[in-house]
Structure formats: structure tokens, C-alpha cells
Amino acid sequence: MDGQSGRQKTEAMAERALAIHPGCDVRIMPKFFNESSATEILEAGFDAVIDASDPGVS
């Protein structure tokens, strides 16, 4: 995955998924998954939700 530094993770992951399986239907929803967004994201009817957030720095 060279050359991915600085790109949005949502876009890079969508591109990667389509490279692996060109027939898959990828929909990017670049939102933080939290209490206020959970209902909107989960009710969208997706088969899978990918959390691509980085762990917090301590």
C-alpha cells in the first residue's frame, strides 16, 4: 500500500476493497462513529461498517 500516506483512509480502503473485489458496492461515509452518529450509520443498511480510526495517543 505504498503511496497511501496522507490520503483519507475511507478513500484508500474503498479503493483497496474494489481492487480485491471489483463487483462490491462500496459506499464511503467519512464520519466518526460515536453515540450521536451510530443510529444514522447503522440504519443505513450496510452489510459491514469499517472503523478506520487511529488509536488515541497517550
C-alpha atoms as a PDB file:
ATOM      1  CA  MET A   1       0.000   0.000   0.000  1.00  0.00           C
ATOM      2  CA  ASP A   2       2.841   2.339  -0.852  1.00  0.00           C
ATOM      3  CA  GLY A   3       1.866   5.891  -1.704  1.00  0.00           C
ATOM      4  CA  GLN A   4      -1.111   5.956   0.646  1.00  0.00           C
ATOM      5  CA  SER A   5       0.369   8.344   3.202  1.00  0.00           C
ATOM      6  CA  GLY A   6      -1.704  11.498   3.559  1.00  0.00           C
ATOM      7  CA  ARG A   7      -4.820  10.065   1.880  1.00  0.00           C
ATOM      8  CA  GLN A   8      -8.193   9.772   3.574  1.00  0.00           C
ATOM      9  CA  LYS A   9      -8.486   6.264   4.995  1.00  0.00           C
ATOM     10  CA  THR A  10     -12.037   5.978   3.718  1.00  0.00           C
ATOM     11  CA  GLU A  11     -10.908   6.555   0.139  1.00  0.00           C
ATOM     12  CA  ALA A  12      -7.866   4.281   0.404  1.00  0.00           C
ATOM     13  CA  MET A  13      -9.918   1.440   1.905  1.00  0.00           C
ATOM     14  CA  ALA A  14     -12.639   1.798  -0.734  1.00  0.00           C
ATOM     15  CA  GLU A  15     -10.037   1.652  -3.486  1.00  0.00           C
ATOM     16  CA  ARG A  16      -8.419  -1.413  -1.896  1.00  0.00           C
ATOM     17  CA  ALA A  17     -11.762  -3.229  -1.488  1.00  0.00           C
ATOM     18  CA  LEU A  18     -12.618  -2.578  -5.134  1.00  0.00           C
ATOM     19  CA  ALA A  19      -9.172  -3.786  -6.241  1.00  0.00           C
ATOM     20  CA  ILE A  20      -9.766  -7.060  -4.380  1.00  0.00           C
ATOM     21  CA  HIS A  21     -13.395  -7.465  -5.462  1.00  0.00           C
ATOM     22  CA  PRO A  22     -14.416  -5.116  -8.294  1.00  0.00           C
ATOM     23  CA  GLY A  23     -18.073  -6.123  -8.035  1.00  0.00           C
ATOM     24  CA  CYS A  24     -18.551  -4.981  -4.458  1.00  0.00           C
ATOM     25  CA  ASP A  25     -20.691  -1.940  -3.707  1.00  0.00           C
ATOM     26  CA  VAL A  26     -18.574   0.424  -1.624  1.00  0.00           C
ATOM     27  CA  ARG A  27     -20.136   3.498  -0.059  1.00  0.00           C
ATOM     28  CA  ILE A  28     -17.930   5.912   1.782  1.00  0.00           C
ATOM     29  CA  MET A  29     -19.363   7.557   4.870  1.00  0.00           C
ATOM     30  CA  PRO A  30     -16.452   9.542   6.351  1.00  0.00           C
ATOM     31  CA  LYS A  31     -17.912  10.134   9.795  1.00  0.00           C
ATOM     32  CA  PHE A  32     -16.770   9.443  13.286  1.00  0.00           C
ATOM     33  CA  PHE A  33     -18.681   6.542  14.809  1.00  0.00           C
ATOM     34  CA  ASN A  34     -19.913   7.729  18.166  1.00  0.00           C
ATOM     35  CA  GLU A  35     -23.093   7.945  20.197  1.00  0.00           C
ATOM     36  CA  SER A  36     -24.547  10.764  18.108  1.00  0.00           C
ATOM     37  CA  SER A  37     -23.780   9.175  14.711  1.00  0.00           C
ATOM     38  CA  ALA A  38     -24.379   5.488  15.499  1.00  0.00           C
ATOM     39  CA  THR A  39     -28.068   5.392  14.567  1.00  0.00           C
ATOM     40  CA  GLU A  40     -27.536   7.149  11.226  1.00  0.00           C
ATOM     41  CA  ILE A  41     -24.638   4.877  10.281  1.00  0.00           C
ATOM     42  CA  LEU A  42     -26.150   1.573  11.439  1.00  0.00           C
ATOM     43  CA  GLU A  43     -29.592   2.257   9.970  1.00  0.00           C
ATOM     44  CA  ALA A  44     -28.114   2.911   6.512  1.00  0.00           C
ATOM     45  CA  GLY A  45     -28.421  -0.816   5.786  1.00  0.00           C
ATOM     46  CA  PHE A  46     -24.759  -1.614   5.238  1.00  0.00           C
ATOM     47  CA  ASP A  47     -23.581  -5.226   5.387  1.00  0.00           C
ATOM     48  CA  ALA A  48     -20.346  -4.096   7.046  1.00  0.00           C
ATOM     49  CA  VAL A  49     -19.027  -0.997   8.775  1.00  0.00           C
ATOM     50  CA  ILE A  50     -15.285  -0.389   8.973  1.00  0.00           C
ATOM     51  CA  ASP A  51     -13.866   1.755  11.727  1.00  0.00           C
ATOM     52  CA  ALA A  52     -10.588   3.111  10.371  1.00  0.00           C
ATOM     53  CA  SER A  53      -9.757   5.408  13.245  1.00  0.00           C
ATOM     54  CA  ASP A  54      -6.340   5.566  14.821  1.00  0.00           C
ATOM     55  CA  PRO A  55      -5.932   4.692  18.473  1.00  0.00           C
ATOM     56  CA  GLY A  56      -5.603   7.674  20.760  1.00  0.00           C
ATOM     57  CA  VAL A  57      -2.145   8.770  21.788  1.00  0.00           C
ATOM     58  CA  SER A  58      -1.445   8.660  25.500  1.00  0.00           C
END
